[in-house]
C-alpha atoms as a PDB file:
ATOM      1  CA  MET A   1     128.175 104.999  99.798  1.00  0.00           C
ATOM      2  CA  ASN A   2     126.153 106.095  96.824  1.00  0.00           C
ATOM      3  CA  VAL A   3     122.659 106.669  97.965  1.00  0.00           C
ATOM      4  CA  ASP A   4     121.462 107.015  94.133  1.00  0.00           C
ATOM      5  CA  ALA A   5     122.088 103.183  93.478  1.00  0.00           C
ATOM      6  CA  GLY A   6     120.361 102.424  97.334  1.00  0.00           C
ATOM      7  CA  ILE A   7     117.255 104.589  96.268  1.00  0.00           C
ATOM      8  CA  LEU A   8     118.084 102.803  92.683  1.00  0.00           C
ATOM      9  CA  LEU A   9     117.303  99.489  94.116  1.00  0.00           C
ATOM     10  CA  LEU A  10     114.263 100.267  96.697  1.00  0.00           C
ATOM     11  CA  ARG A  11     112.242 101.686  93.543  1.00  0.00           C
ATOM     12  CA  VAL A  12     113.150  99.031  91.245  1.00  0.00           C
ATOM     13  CA  VAL A  13     112.021  96.439  93.633  1.00  0.00           C
ATOM     14  CA  ILE A  14     109.301  97.745  95.843  1.00  0.00           C
ATOM     15  CA  GLY A  15     107.842  99.130  92.479  1.00  0.00           C
ATOM     16  CA  LEU A  16     108.373  95.343  90.490  1.00  0.00           C
ATOM     17  CA  LEU A  17     106.517  93.913  93.583  1.00  0.00           C
ATOM     18  CA  ILE A  18     103.763  96.619  93.651  1.00  0.00           C
ATOM     19  CA  ALA A  19     103.318  96.344  89.656  1.00  0.00           C
ATOM     20  CA  GLY A  20     103.129  92.631  90.174  1.00  0.00           C
ATOM     21  CA  HIS A  21     100.307  92.819  92.497  1.00  0.00           C
ATOM     22  CA  GLY A  22      98.325  94.924  90.122  1.00  0.00           C
ATOM     23  CA  VAL A  23      98.853  92.494  87.500  1.00  0.00           C
ATOM     24  CA  GLN A  24      97.606  89.496  89.857  1.00  0.00           C
ATOM     25  CA  LYS A  25      94.322  91.563  90.074  1.00  0.00           C
ATOM     26  CA  VAL A  26      93.398  91.754  86.393  1.00  0.00           C
ATOM     27  CA  SER A  27      94.913  88.573  85.060  1.00  0.00           C
ATOM     28  CA  PHE A  28      96.112  85.044  85.125  1.00  0.00           C
ATOM     29  CA  ARG A  29      99.561  86.484  84.828  1.00  0.00           C
ATOM     30  CA  LEU A  30     102.280  85.821  88.170  1.00  0.00           C
ATOM     31  CA  GLY A  31      99.479  83.377  89.796  1.00  0.00           C
ATOM     32  CA  GLY A  32      96.681  86.165  89.235  1.00  0.00           C
ATOM     33  CA  ARG A  33      93.142  84.101  88.755  1.00  0.00           C
ATOM     34  CA  GLY A  34      91.774  86.679  85.850  1.00  0.00           C
ATOM     35  CA  LEU A  35      89.662  90.077  86.539  1.00  0.00           C
ATOM     36  CA  GLN A  36      86.990  87.610  87.874  1.00  0.00           C
ATOM     37  CA  GLY A  37      89.711  86.532  90.845  1.00  0.00           C
ATOM     38  CA  GLY A  38      90.281  89.878  91.891  1.00  0.00           C
ATOM     39  CA  ILE A  39      86.481  90.768  92.139  1.00  0.00           C
ATOM     40  CA  ASP A  40      85.841  87.649  93.610  1.00  0.00           C
ATOM     41  CA  GLU A  41      88.972  88.644  96.340  1.00  0.00           C
ATOM     42  CA  PHE A  42      87.399  92.208  96.795  1.00  0.00           C
ATOM     43  CA  GLU A  43      84.244  91.098  96.950  1.00  0.00           C
ATOM     44  CA  ALA A  44      85.541  88.614  99.689  1.00  0.00           C
ATOM     45  CA  ASP A  45      87.060  91.653 101.776  1.00  0.00           C
ATOM     46  CA  GLY A  46      83.603  93.340 101.909  1.00  0.00           C
ATOM     47  CA  PHE A  47      83.736  95.652  98.805  1.00  0.00           C
ATOM     48  CA  ARG A  48      81.502  96.592  96.233  1.00  0.00           C
ATOM     49  CA  GLY A  49      82.176  98.001  92.837  1.00  0.00           C
ATOM     50  CA  GLY A  50      82.755  94.984  91.290  1.00  0.00           C
ATOM     51  CA  ALA A  51      84.847  94.977  88.362  1.00  0.00           C
ATOM     52  CA  PHE A  52      85.466  98.661  88.721  1.00  0.00           C
ATOM     53  CA  THR A  53      87.020  98.315  92.236  1.00  0.00           C
ATOM     54  CA  ALA A  54      89.232  95.099  90.577  1.00  0.00           C
ATOM     55  CA  LEU A  55      90.330  97.599  87.396  1.00  0.00           C
ATOM     56  CA  ALA A  56      91.174 100.487  89.284  1.00  0.00           C
ATOM     57  CA  ALA A  57      93.275  98.665  91.829  1.00  0.00           C
ATOM     58  CA  GLY A  58      95.039  96.884  89.429  1.00  0.00           C
ATOM     59  CA  ALA A  59      95.650  99.839  87.272  1.00  0.00           C
ATOM     60  CA  GLY A  60      96.828 102.200  89.892  1.00  0.00           C
ATOM     61  CA  GLN A  61      99.384  99.120  91.421  1.00  0.00           C
ATOM     62  CA  LEU A  62     100.164  98.281  87.759  1.00  0.00           C
ATOM     63  CA  GLY A  63     101.110 101.830  87.091  1.00  0.00           C
ATOM     64  CA  GLY A  64     102.415 103.280  90.484  1.00  0.00           C
ATOM     65  CA  GLY A  65     104.292 100.898  90.151  1.00  0.00           C
ATOM     66  CA  LEU A  66     105.893 100.859  86.930  1.00  0.00           C
ATOM     67  CA  PHE A  67     106.224 104.603  87.764  1.00  0.00           C
ATOM     68  CA  LEU A  68     108.266 104.191  90.484  1.00  0.00           C
ATOM     69  CA  VAL A  69     110.722 101.692  88.868  1.00  0.00           C
ATOM     70  CA  ALA A  70     111.552 104.348  86.278  1.00  0.00           C
ATOM     71  CA  GLY A  71     111.343 107.223  89.085  1.00  0.00           C
ATOM     72  CA  ALA A  72     109.243 109.321  86.876  1.00  0.00           C
ATOM     73  CA  LEU A  73     106.774 111.567  88.574  1.00  0.00           C
ATOM     74  CA  THR A  74     108.133 109.556  91.990  1.00  0.00           C
ATOM     75  CA  PRO A  75     106.063 111.402  94.469  1.00  0.00           C
ATOM     76  CA  LEU A  76     102.647 110.923  92.571  1.00  0.00           C
ATOM     77  CA  ALA A  77     103.998 107.459  92.123  1.00  0.00           C
ATOM     78  CA  GLY A  78     104.091 106.919  95.745  1.00  0.00           C
ATOM     79  CA  MET A  79     101.402 108.180  96.561  1.00  0.00           C
ATOM     80  CA  VAL A  80      98.938 105.754  94.199  1.00  0.00           C
ATOM     81  CA  ALA A  81     101.053 102.771  95.626  1.00  0.00           C
ATOM     82  CA  ILE A  82     100.692 104.422  99.418  1.00  0.00           C
ATOM     83  CA  GLY A  83      96.891 104.487  98.925  1.00  0.00           C
ATOM     84  CA  VAL A  84      96.679 100.711  97.244  1.00  0.00           C
ATOM     85  CA  MET A  85      98.548  99.546 100.242  1.00  0.00           C
ATOM     86  CA  THR A  86      96.358 101.787 103.128  1.00  0.00           C
ATOM     87  CA  VAL A  87      93.679  99.565 101.799  1.00  0.00           C
ATOM     88  CA  ALA A  88      95.153  96.291 102.199  1.00  0.00           C
ATOM     89  CA  LEU A  89      96.665  97.418 105.530  1.00  0.00           C
ATOM     90  CA  THR A  90      93.202  98.589 106.238  1.00  0.00           C
ATOM     91  CA  VAL A  91      91.832  94.288 105.076  1.00  0.00           C
ATOM     92  CA  LYS A  92      94.349  92.670 107.179  1.00  0.00           C
ATOM     93  CA  ALA A  93      94.433  95.056 110.479  1.00  0.00           C
ATOM     94  CA  ARG A  94      91.899  93.274 112.093  1.00  0.00           C
ATOM     95  CA  ASN A  95      94.335  90.251 112.035  1.00  0.00           C
ATOM     96  CA  GLY A  96      97.272  91.808 113.611  1.00  0.00           C
ATOM     97  CA  LEU A  97     100.665  93.028 112.452  1.00  0.00           C
ATOM     98  CA  TRP A  98     102.665  90.433 111.790  1.00  0.00           C
ATOM     99  CA  VAL A  99     102.287  88.260 108.042  1.00  0.00           C
ATOM    100  CA  GLN A 100     102.206  85.086 109.341  1.00  0.00           C
ATOM    101  CA  HIS A 101      98.648  85.284 110.541  1.00  0.00           C
ATOM    102  CA  ASP A 102      97.706  87.393 107.883  1.00  0.00           C
ATOM    103  CA  GLY A 103      98.602  90.520 109.288  1.00  0.00           C
ATOM    104  CA  TYR A 104      99.393  93.986 108.003  1.00  0.00           C
ATOM    105  CA  GLU A 105     103.211  93.892 108.177  1.00  0.00           C
ATOM    106  CA  TYR A 106     103.940  93.543 104.282  1.00  0.00           C
ATOM    107  CA  PRO A 107     101.505  96.376 103.436  1.00  0.00           C
ATOM    108  CA  LEU A 108     103.252  98.870 106.092  1.00  0.00           C
ATOM    109  CA  VAL A 109     106.476  97.905 104.848  1.00  0.00           C
ATOM    110  CA  LEU A 110     105.644  98.617 101.262  1.00  0.00           C
ATOM    111  CA  ILE A 111     103.982 102.137 102.483  1.00  0.00           C
ATOM    112  CA  THR A 112     106.486 103.331 104.448  1.00  0.00           C
ATOM    113  CA  ILE A 113     109.138 102.723 101.312  1.00  0.00           C
ATOM    114  CA  ALA A 114     106.899 104.089  98.999  1.00  0.00           C
ATOM    115  CA  ALA A 115     106.512 107.021 101.134  1.00  0.00           C
ATOM    116  CA  ALA A 116     110.884 107.052 101.978  1.00  0.00           C
ATOM    117  CA  LEU A 117     110.607 107.114  98.105  1.00  0.00           C
ATOM    118  CA  SER A 118     108.189 109.856  97.372  1.00  0.00           C
ATOM    119  CA  LEU A 119     110.191 112.248 100.243  1.00  0.00           C
ATOM    120  CA  ALA A 120     113.539 111.232  99.479  1.00  0.00           C
ATOM    121  CA  GLY A 121     113.400 111.959  95.618  1.00  0.00           C
ATOM    122  CA  PRO A 122     114.055 109.243  92.881  1.00  0.00           C
ATOM    123  CA  GLY A 123     117.442 109.766  92.767  1.00  0.00           C
ATOM    124  CA  ARG A 124     120.131 110.619  89.977  1.00  0.00           C
ATOM    125  CA  TYR A 125     119.500 107.141  88.047  1.00  0.00           C
ATOM    126  CA  SER A 126     115.750 107.896  87.276  1.00  0.00           C
ATOM    127  CA  VAL A 127     113.852 109.254  84.267  1.00  0.00           C
ATOM    128  CA  ASP A 128     112.564 112.428  86.768  1.00  0.00           C
ATOM    129  CA  ALA A 129     116.436 113.062  86.719  1.00  0.00           C
ATOM    130  CA  ALA A 130     117.110 113.134  83.615  1.00  0.00           C
ATOM    131  CA  LEU A 131     113.832 115.701  82.941  1.00  0.00           C
ATOM    132  CA  GLY A 132     115.773 117.765  85.146  1.00  0.00           C
ATOM    133  CA  ILE A 133     113.017 117.552  87.943  1.00  0.00           C
ATOM    134  CA  SER A 134     114.339 115.106  90.554  1.00  0.00           C
ATOM    135  CA  ALA A 135     114.923 117.817  92.854  1.00  0.00           C
ATOM    136  CA  TYR A 136     111.126 117.819  94.713  1.00  0.00           C
ATOM    137  CA  PRO A 137     110.627 120.170  97.841  1.00  0.00           C
ATOM    138  CA  LEU A 138     110.038 118.433 100.789  1.00  0.00           C
ATOM    139  CA  TRP A 139     106.531 119.588 100.989  1.00  0.00           C
ATOM    140  CA  ILE A 140     105.414 117.709  98.026  1.00  0.00           C
ATOM    141  CA  GLY A 141     106.335 114.383  99.156  1.00  0.00           C
ATOM    142  CA  ALA A 142     104.558 115.142 102.505  1.00  0.00           C
ATOM    143  CA  ALA A 143     101.267 116.111 100.864  1.00  0.00           C
ATOM    144  CA  THR A 144     101.611 112.938  98.197  1.00  0.00           C
ATOM    145  CA  THR A 145     102.528 110.476 101.357  1.00  0.00           C
ATOM    146  CA  LEU A 146      99.418 111.945 103.551  1.00  0.00           C
ATOM    147  CA  ALA A 147      97.196 112.340  99.937  1.00  0.00           C
ATOM    148  CA  GLY A 148      97.998 108.829  99.434  1.00  0.00           C
ATOM    149  CA  ILE A 149      97.105 107.641 102.851  1.00  0.00           C
ATOM    150  CA  ALA A 150      93.514 109.858 102.535  1.00  0.00           C
ATOM    151  CA  SER A 151      92.111 108.103  99.486  1.00  0.00           C
ATOM    152  CA  GLY A 152      92.636 104.640 100.702  1.00  0.00           C
ATOM    153  CA  LEU A 153      90.939 105.230 104.093  1.00  0.00           C
ATOM    154  CA  GLY A 154      88.417 107.076 101.399  1.00  0.00           C
ATOM    155  CA  VAL A 155      87.843 104.034  98.965  1.00  0.00           C
ATOM    156  CA  ARG A 156      87.966 101.927 102.167  1.00  0.00           C
ATOM    157  CA  ALA A 157      84.669 103.905 103.770  1.00  0.00           C
ATOM    158  CA  LEU A 158      83.118 104.618 100.129  1.00  0.00           C
ATOM    159  CA  LEU A 159      83.619 101.206  98.907  1.00  0.00           C
ATOM    160  CA  HIS A 160      84.152  98.842 102.293  1.00  0.00           C
ATOM    161  CA  THR A 161      80.214  97.399 102.836  1.00  0.00           C
ATOM    162  CA  ASN A 162      81.162  96.809 106.639  1.00  0.00           C
ATOM    163  CA  THR A 163      79.138  93.172 106.520  1.00  0.00           C
ATOM    164  CA  THR A 164      80.760  89.871 106.930  1.00  0.00           C
ATOM    165  CA  PRO A 165      81.106  88.286 103.727  1.00  0.00           C
ATOM    166  CA  PRO A 166      79.404  84.848 102.770  1.00  0.00           C
ATOM    167  CA  PRO A 167      81.272  81.453 103.941  1.00  0.00           C
ATOM    168  CA  GLY A 168      81.598  80.687 100.935  1.00  0.00           C
ATOM    169  CA  LYS A 169      82.993  84.184  99.933  1.00  0.00           C
ATOM    170  CA  ARG A 170      84.951  84.848 102.784  1.00  0.00           C
ATOM    171  CA  LYS A 171      89.000  85.101 102.022  1.00  0.00           C
ATOM    172  CA  ILE A 172      90.530  83.305 104.858  1.00  0.00           C
END
């Protein structure tokens, strides 16, 4: 059994998926609708902030995802991924758990894996290990996990308008 290979697989797949979400928020790549599409998505979900919100989310997902792929500053990368996916979870919570009904199942899976990576560390095949910092204390993983959740909930509280968008803007 090789735990390091398993952690590498998780980091690469989840990191690339999260980074891909970021690319979609701000460009026409990977099926994205450009920056205006990212702005429209956040507005349809009831968020204010326009381009700043879309750019911050896109940059967070892209950066956090790529840092997870590389295994660089892994607990911090996990924190960023947890934060942006916590926002997504809050948006989808009203639809229930299952993804078939646009529920929060997928964001919850990404949050859980990012938290597990923050707690477990990046493994031997990582930038952190190459720099000799792969053995993070447990409290760092726990603190960054909690900070990620808190930051996502904070973004929701600060930027969500709590109003129903007009029918033409509503994302279904």
